[in-house]
Amino acid sequence: MFVKTHCLCCQCSYPVWEDFSAKATKLHSQLRTTVLATVAFLDAFQKVADMATNTRGRMTAIVCLFVKEGTKGHR
């Protein structure tokens, strides 16, 4: 009796485990994409910081740099 009940329970729960596995895989993929995007953003931010450091405190050069980079995608 226990074996029959246990097997029925496993058969009923299979779709739940299948769904859980699919959602876990999707979460993993999304987290990986988020990490890669964050790394790319931080790399770009570091480049901007490096260029700003090389301006030796000239505020107009830093502002021009931000305007130039900010309008790059809007052309």
PDB file of N, CA and C in Angstrom:
ATOM      1  N   MET A   1       0.823  -1.191   0.000  1.00  0.00           N
ATOM      2  CA  MET A   1       0.000   0.000   0.000  1.00  0.00           C
ATOM      3  C   MET A   1       0.872   1.260   0.000  1.00  0.00           C
ATOM      4  N   PHE A   2       1.913   1.254   0.804  1.00  0.00           N
ATOM      5  CA  PHE A   2       2.805   2.411   0.872  1.00  0.00           C
ATOM      6  C   PHE A   2       3.466   2.668  -0.477  1.00  0.00           C
ATOM      7  N   VAL A   3       3.879   1.594  -1.148  1.00  0.00           N
ATOM      8  CA  VAL A   3       4.555   1.741  -2.435  1.00  0.00           C
ATOM      9  C   VAL A   3       3.614   2.361  -3.466  1.00  0.00           C
ATOM     10  N   LYS A   4       2.367   1.916  -3.508  1.00  0.00           N
ATOM     11  CA  LYS A   4       1.412   2.474  -4.463  1.00  0.00           C
ATOM     12  C   LYS A   4       1.161   3.957  -4.168  1.00  0.00           C
ATOM     13  N   THR A   5       1.002   4.285  -2.913  1.00  0.00           N
ATOM     14  CA  THR A   5       0.760   5.675  -2.529  1.00  0.00           C
ATOM     15  C   THR A   5       1.977   6.534  -2.861  1.00  0.00           C
ATOM     16  N   HIS A   6       3.144   6.015  -2.577  1.00  0.00           N
ATOM     17  CA  HIS A   6       4.381   6.752  -2.843  1.00  0.00           C
ATOM     18  C   HIS A   6       4.552   6.982  -4.343  1.00  0.00           C
ATOM     19  N   CYS A   7       4.294   6.001  -5.158  1.00  0.00           N
ATOM     20  CA  CYS A   7       4.420   6.139  -6.608  1.00  0.00           C
ATOM     21  C   CYS A   7       3.421   7.142  -7.156  1.00  0.00           C
ATOM     22  N   LEU A   8       2.199   7.120  -6.657  1.00  0.00           N
ATOM     23  CA  LEU A   8       1.203   8.096  -7.093  1.00  0.00           C
ATOM     24  C   LEU A   8       1.622   9.510  -6.715  1.00  0.00           C
ATOM     25  N   CYS A   9       2.204   9.639  -5.543  1.00  0.00           N
ATOM     26  CA  CYS A   9       2.664  10.947  -5.089  1.00  0.00           C
ATOM     27  C   CYS A   9       3.775  11.460  -6.006  1.00  0.00           C
ATOM     28  N   CYS A  10       4.695  10.591  -6.373  1.00  0.00           N
ATOM     29  CA  CYS A  10       5.793  10.981  -7.258  1.00  0.00           C
ATOM     30  C   CYS A  10       5.279  11.359  -8.636  1.00  0.00           C
ATOM     31  N   GLN A  11       4.299  10.618  -9.129  1.00  0.00           N
ATOM     32  CA  GLN A  11       3.753  10.914 -10.445  1.00  0.00           C
ATOM     33  C   GLN A  11       3.023  12.252 -10.443  1.00  0.00           C
ATOM     34  N   CYS A  12       2.355  12.555  -9.364  1.00  0.00           N
ATOM     35  CA  CYS A  12       1.628  13.822  -9.278  1.00  0.00           C
ATOM     36  C   CYS A  12       2.575  15.007  -9.113  1.00  0.00           C
ATOM     37  N   SER A  13       3.689  14.798  -8.460  1.00  0.00           N
ATOM     38  CA  SER A  13       4.603  15.903  -8.205  1.00  0.00           C
ATOM     39  C   SER A  13       5.597  16.135  -9.337  1.00  0.00           C
ATOM     40  N   TYR A  14       5.648  15.262 -10.321  1.00  0.00           N
ATOM     41  CA  TYR A  14       6.599  15.416 -11.421  1.00  0.00           C
ATOM     42  C   TYR A  14       6.444  16.755 -12.139  1.00  0.00           C
ATOM     43  N   PRO A  15       5.233  17.175 -12.499  1.00  0.00           N
ATOM     44  CA  PRO A  15       5.097  18.484 -13.173  1.00  0.00           C
ATOM     45  C   PRO A  15       5.601  19.652 -12.318  1.00  0.00           C
ATOM     46  N   VAL A  16       5.433  19.533 -11.022  1.00  0.00           N
ATOM     47  CA  VAL A  16       5.900  20.597 -10.125  1.00  0.00           C
ATOM     48  C   VAL A  16       7.421  20.676 -10.165  1.00  0.00           C
ATOM     49  N   TRP A  17       8.082  19.523 -10.091  1.00  0.00           N
ATOM     50  CA  TRP A  17       9.546  19.505 -10.145  1.00  0.00           C
ATOM     51  C   TRP A  17      10.059  19.943 -11.514  1.00  0.00           C
ATOM     52  N   GLU A  18       9.342  19.580 -12.545  1.00  0.00           N
ATOM     53  CA  GLU A  18       9.701  20.006 -13.905  1.00  0.00           C
ATOM     54  C   GLU A  18       9.620  21.523 -14.028  1.00  0.00           C
ATOM     55  N   ASP A  19       8.555  22.102 -13.501  1.00  0.00           N
ATOM     56  CA  ASP A  19       8.387  23.550 -13.517  1.00  0.00           C
ATOM     57  C   ASP A  19       9.475  24.231 -12.688  1.00  0.00           C
ATOM     58  N   PHE A  20       9.754  23.667 -11.519  1.00  0.00           N
ATOM     59  CA  PHE A  20      10.794  24.221 -10.651  1.00  0.00           C
ATOM     60  C   PHE A  20      12.148  24.224 -11.354  1.00  0.00           C
ATOM     61  N   SER A  21      12.458  23.128 -12.020  1.00  0.00           N
ATOM     62  CA  SER A  21      13.729  23.022 -12.737  1.00  0.00           C
ATOM     63  C   SER A  21      13.813  24.039 -13.872  1.00  0.00           C
ATOM     64  N   ALA A  22      12.723  24.197 -14.604  1.00  0.00           N
ATOM     65  CA  ALA A  22      12.705  25.166 -15.704  1.00  0.00           C
ATOM     66  C   ALA A  22      12.874  26.590 -15.185  1.00  0.00           C
ATOM     67  N   LYS A  23      12.212  26.915 -14.094  1.00  0.00           N
ATOM     68  CA  LYS A  23      12.324  28.264 -13.522  1.00  0.00           C
ATOM     69  C   LYS A  23      13.724  28.508 -12.956  1.00  0.00           C
ATOM     70  N   ALA A  24      14.321  27.493 -12.356  1.00  0.00           N
ATOM     71  CA  ALA A  24      15.680  27.632 -11.833  1.00  0.00           C
ATOM     72  C   ALA A  24      16.676  27.876 -12.964  1.00  0.00           C
ATOM     73  N   THR A  25      16.474  27.186 -14.078  1.00  0.00           N
ATOM     74  CA  THR A  25      17.346  27.383 -15.232  1.00  0.00           C
ATOM     75  C   THR A  25      17.193  28.798 -15.787  1.00  0.00           C
ATOM     76  N   LYS A  26      15.961  29.281 -15.856  1.00  0.00           N
ATOM     77  CA  LYS A  26      15.713  30.643 -16.337  1.00  0.00           C
ATOM     78  C   LYS A  26      16.331  31.674 -15.396  1.00  0.00           C
ATOM     79  N   LEU A  27      16.197  31.463 -14.098  1.00  0.00           N
ATOM     80  CA  LEU A  27      16.799  32.365 -13.117  1.00  0.00           C
ATOM     81  C   LEU A  27      18.314  32.404 -13.277  1.00  0.00           C
ATOM     82  N   HIS A  28      18.911  31.240 -13.445  1.00  0.00           N
ATOM     83  CA  HIS A  28      20.363  31.169 -13.636  1.00  0.00           C
ATOM     84  C   HIS A  28      20.783  31.967 -14.862  1.00  0.00           C
ATOM     85  N   SER A  29      20.040  31.820 -15.930  1.00  0.00           N
ATOM     86  CA  SER A  29      20.353  32.541 -17.164  1.00  0.00           C
ATOM     87  C   SER A  29      20.228  34.049 -16.966  1.00  0.00           C
ATOM     88  N   GLN A  30      19.168  34.475 -16.293  1.00  0.00           N
ATOM     89  CA  GLN A  30      18.955  35.902 -16.057  1.00  0.00           C
ATOM     90  C   GLN A  30      20.031  36.482 -15.137  1.00  0.00           C
ATOM     91  N   LEU A  31      20.407  35.737 -14.118  1.00  0.00           N
ATOM     92  CA  LEU A  31      21.465  36.216 -13.216  1.00  0.00           C
ATOM     93  C   LEU A  31      22.793  36.332 -13.948  1.00  0.00           C
ATOM     94  N   ARG A  32      23.068  35.374 -14.811  1.00  0.00           N
ATOM     95  CA  ARG A  32      24.304  35.422 -15.598  1.00  0.00           C
ATOM     96  C   ARG A  32      24.306  36.657 -16.501  1.00  0.00           C
ATOM     97  N   THR A  33      23.181  36.923 -17.158  1.00  0.00           N
ATOM     98  CA  THR A  33      23.070  38.098 -18.023  1.00  0.00           C
ATOM     99  C   THR A  33      23.239  39.377 -17.220  1.00  0.00           C
ATOM    100  N   THR A  34      22.640  39.417 -16.038  1.00  0.00           N
ATOM    101  CA  THR A  34      22.755  40.597 -15.182  1.00  0.00           C
ATOM    102  C   THR A  34      24.196  40.834 -14.762  1.00  0.00           C
ATOM    103  N   VAL A  35      24.891  39.776 -14.398  1.00  0.00           N
ATOM    104  CA  VAL A  35      26.292  39.908 -13.988  1.00  0.00           C
ATOM    105  C   VAL A  35      27.142  40.401 -15.156  1.00  0.00           C
ATOM    106  N   LEU A  36      26.927  39.853 -16.347  1.00  0.00           N
ATOM    107  CA  LEU A  36      27.697  40.282 -17.512  1.00  0.00           C
ATOM    108  C   LEU A  36      27.428  41.741 -17.853  1.00  0.00           C
ATOM    109  N   ALA A  37      26.163  42.175 -17.751  1.00  0.00           N
ATOM    110  CA  ALA A  37      25.833  43.574 -18.018  1.00  0.00           C
ATOM    111  C   ALA A  37      26.452  44.492 -16.973  1.00  0.00           C
ATOM    112  N   THR A  38      26.446  44.055 -15.726  1.00  0.00           N
ATOM    113  CA  THR A  38      27.043  44.852 -14.656  1.00  0.00           C
ATOM    114  C   THR A  38      28.545  44.998 -14.856  1.00  0.00           C
ATOM    115  N   VAL A  39      29.198  43.921 -15.241  1.00  0.00           N
ATOM    116  CA  VAL A  39      30.644  43.969 -15.498  1.00  0.00           C
ATOM    117  C   VAL A  39      30.947  44.918 -16.651  1.00  0.00           C
ATOM    118  N   ALA A  40      30.149  44.863 -17.707  1.00  0.00           N
ATOM    119  CA  ALA A  40      30.350  45.760 -18.851  1.00  0.00           C
ATOM    120  C   ALA A  40      30.151  47.212 -18.443  1.00  0.00           C
ATOM    121  N   PHE A  41      29.114  47.466 -17.626  1.00  0.00           N
ATOM    122  CA  PHE A  41      28.871  48.832 -17.159  1.00  0.00           C
ATOM    123  C   PHE A  41      30.029  49.331 -16.304  1.00  0.00           C
ATOM    124  N   LEU A  42      30.498  48.506 -15.380  1.00  0.00           N
ATOM    125  CA  LEU A  42      31.603  48.924 -14.522  1.00  0.00           C
ATOM    126  C   LEU A  42      32.883  49.144 -15.316  1.00  0.00           C
ATOM    127  N   ASP A  43      33.093  48.351 -16.350  1.00  0.00           N
ATOM    128  CA  ASP A  43      34.257  48.538 -17.213  1.00  0.00           C
ATOM    129  C   ASP A  43      34.171  49.881 -17.925  1.00  0.00           C
ATOM    130  N   ALA A  44      32.995  50.206 -18.456  1.00  0.00           N
ATOM    131  CA  ALA A  44      32.802  51.497 -19.124  1.00  0.00           C
ATOM    132  C   ALA A  44      32.953  52.647 -18.135  1.00  0.00           C
ATOM    133  N   PHE A  45      32.408  52.479 -16.946  1.00  0.00           N
ATOM    134  CA  PHE A  45      32.526  53.509 -15.913  1.00  0.00           C
ATOM    135  C   PHE A  45      33.995  53.720 -15.529  1.00  0.00           C
ATOM    136  N   GLN A  46      34.751  52.640 -15.456  1.00  0.00           N
ATOM    137  CA  GLN A  46      36.173  52.744 -15.132  1.00  0.00           C
ATOM    138  C   GLN A  46      36.918  53.506 -16.219  1.00  0.00           C
ATOM    139  N   LYS A  47      36.554  53.271 -17.479  1.00  0.00           N
ATOM    140  CA  LYS A  47      37.196  54.002 -18.579  1.00  0.00           C
ATOM    141  C   LYS A  47      36.911  55.495 -18.486  1.00  0.00           C
ATOM    142  N   VAL A  48      35.658  55.841 -18.154  1.00  0.00           N
ATOM    143  CA  VAL A  48      35.306  57.254 -17.986  1.00  0.00           C
ATOM    144  C   VAL A  48      36.094  57.846 -16.819  1.00  0.00           C
ATOM    145  N   ALA A  49      36.182  57.114 -15.732  1.00  0.00           N
ATOM    146  CA  ALA A  49      36.936  57.607 -14.569  1.00  0.00           C
ATOM    147  C   ALA A  49      38.408  57.777 -14.912  1.00  0.00           C
ATOM    148  N   ASP A  50      38.960  56.843 -15.679  1.00  0.00           N
ATOM    149  CA  ASP A  50      40.361  56.959 -16.077  1.00  0.00           C
ATOM    150  C   ASP A  50      40.582  58.180 -16.963  1.00  0.00           C
ATOM    151  N   MET A  51      39.656  58.428 -17.900  1.00  0.00           N
ATOM    152  CA  MET A  51      39.792  59.604 -18.763  1.00  0.00           C
ATOM    153  C   MET A  51      39.626  60.883 -17.951  1.00  0.00           C
ATOM    154  N   ALA A  52      38.715  60.881 -16.990  1.00  0.00           N
ATOM    155  CA  ALA A  52      38.517  62.063 -16.145  1.00  0.00           C
ATOM    156  C   ALA A  52      39.748  62.325 -15.289  1.00  0.00           C
ATOM    157  N   THR A  53      40.395  61.268 -14.841  1.00  0.00           N
ATOM    158  CA  THR A  53      41.613  61.430 -14.038  1.00  0.00           C
ATOM    159  C   THR A  53      42.733  62.019 -14.877  1.00  0.00           C
ATOM    160  N   ASN A  54      42.784  61.658 -16.136  1.00  0.00           N
ATOM    161  CA  ASN A  54      43.836  62.163 -17.019  1.00  0.00           C
ATOM    162  C   ASN A  54      43.635  63.620 -17.407  1.00  0.00           C
ATOM    163  N   THR A  55      42.486  64.215 -17.105  1.00  0.00           N
ATOM    164  CA  THR A  55      42.249  65.620 -17.443  1.00  0.00           C
ATOM    165  C   THR A  55      42.893  66.562 -16.436  1.00  0.00           C
ATOM    166  N   ARG A  56      43.395  66.038 -15.352  1.00  0.00           N
ATOM    167  CA  ARG A  56      44.086  66.803 -14.311  1.00  0.00           C
ATOM    168  C   ARG A  56      43.228  67.941 -13.751  1.00  0.00           C
ATOM    169  N   GLY A  57      41.955  67.647 -13.507  1.00  0.00           N
ATOM    170  CA  GLY A  57      41.101  68.600 -12.813  1.00  0.00           C
ATOM    171  C   GLY A  57      40.421  69.619 -13.703  1.00  0.00           C
ATOM    172  N   ARG A  58      40.579  69.549 -14.987  1.00  0.00           N
ATOM    173  CA  ARG A  58      39.922  70.514 -15.871  1.00  0.00           C
ATOM    174  C   ARG A  58      38.458  70.117 -16.016  1.00  0.00           C
ATOM    175  N   MET A  59      37.572  70.856 -15.376  1.00  0.00           N
ATOM    176  CA  MET A  59      36.156  70.514 -15.327  1.00  0.00           C
ATOM    177  C   MET A  59      35.509  70.571 -16.713  1.00  0.00           C
ATOM    178  N   THR A  60      35.906  71.498 -17.555  1.00  0.00           N
ATOM    179  CA  THR A  60      35.285  71.591 -18.872  1.00  0.00           C
ATOM    180  C   THR A  60      35.565  70.350 -19.706  1.00  0.00           C
ATOM    181  N   ALA A  61      36.747  69.786 -19.570  1.00  0.00           N
ATOM    182  CA  ALA A  61      37.074  68.566 -20.312  1.00  0.00           C
ATOM    183  C   ALA A  61      36.227  67.398 -19.825  1.00  0.00           C
ATOM    184  N   ILE A  62      35.979  67.330 -18.528  1.00  0.00           N
ATOM    185  CA  ILE A  62      35.161  66.257 -17.969  1.00  0.00           C
ATOM    186  C   ILE A  62      33.714  66.408 -18.446  1.00  0.00           C
ATOM    187  N   VAL A  63      33.188  67.635 -18.425  1.00  0.00           N
ATOM    188  CA  VAL A  63      31.816  67.877 -18.883  1.00  0.00           C
ATOM    189  C   VAL A  63      31.690  67.538 -20.363  1.00  0.00           C
ATOM    190  N   CYS A  64      32.646  67.954 -21.172  1.00  0.00           N
ATOM    191  CA  CYS A  64      32.620  67.644 -22.606  1.00  0.00           C
ATOM    192  C   CYS A  64      32.650  66.141 -22.835  1.00  0.00           C
ATOM    193  N   LEU A  65      33.419  65.449 -22.037  1.00  0.00           N
ATOM    194  CA  LEU A  65      33.502  63.997 -22.159  1.00  0.00           C
ATOM    195  C   LEU A  65      32.150  63.360 -21.878  1.00  0.00           C
ATOM    196  N   PHE A  66      31.475  63.786 -20.804  1.00  0.00           N
ATOM    197  CA  PHE A  66      30.167  63.229 -20.476  1.00  0.00           C
ATOM    198  C   PHE A  66      29.131  63.569 -21.550  1.00  0.00           C
ATOM    199  N   VAL A  67      29.159  64.780 -22.078  1.00  0.00           N
ATOM    200  CA  VAL A  67      28.207  65.170 -23.117  1.00  0.00           C
ATOM    201  C   VAL A  67      28.460  64.345 -24.377  1.00  0.00           C
ATOM    202  N   LYS A  68      29.706  64.196 -24.734  1.00  0.00           N
ATOM    203  CA  LYS A  68      30.059  63.433 -25.933  1.00  0.00           C
ATOM    204  C   LYS A  68      29.622  61.984 -25.809  1.00  0.00           C
ATOM    205  N   GLU A  69      29.907  61.346 -24.679  1.00  0.00           N
ATOM    206  CA  GLU A  69      29.521  59.956 -24.465  1.00  0.00           C
ATOM    207  C   GLU A  69      28.015  59.812 -24.301  1.00  0.00           C
ATOM    208  N   GLY A  70      27.375  60.786 -23.701  1.00  0.00           N
ATOM    209  CA  GLY A  70      25.932  60.711 -23.481  1.00  0.00           C
ATOM    210  C   GLY A  70      25.122  60.846 -24.759  1.00  0.00           C
ATOM    211  N   THR A  71      25.645  61.601 -25.720  1.00  0.00           N
ATOM    212  CA  THR A  71      24.914  61.797 -26.967  1.00  0.00           C
ATOM    213  C   THR A  71      25.342  60.814 -28.052  1.00  0.00           C
ATOM    214  N   LYS A  72      26.263  59.946 -27.754  1.00  0.00           N
ATOM    215  CA  LYS A  72      26.770  59.004 -28.750  1.00  0.00           C
ATOM    216  C   LYS A  72      25.667  58.120 -29.313  1.00  0.00           C
ATOM    217  N   GLY A  73      24.765  57.629 -28.485  1.00  0.00           N
ATOM    218  CA  GLY A  73      23.712  56.742 -28.936  1.00  0.00           C
ATOM    219  C   GLY A  73      22.522  57.443 -29.566  1.00  0.00           C
ATOM    220  N   HIS A  74      22.462  58.776 -29.465  1.00  0.00           N
ATOM    221  CA  HIS A  74      21.300  59.518 -29.950  1.00  0.00           C
ATOM    222  C   HIS A  74      21.488  60.074 -31.357  1.00  0.00           C
ATOM    223  N   ARG A  75      22.544  59.741 -32.007  1.00  0.00           N
ATOM    224  CA  ARG A  75      22.795  60.274 -33.352  1.00  0.00           C
ATOM    225  C   ARG A  75      22.089  59.473 -34.390  1.00  0.00           C
TER     226      ARG A  75
END
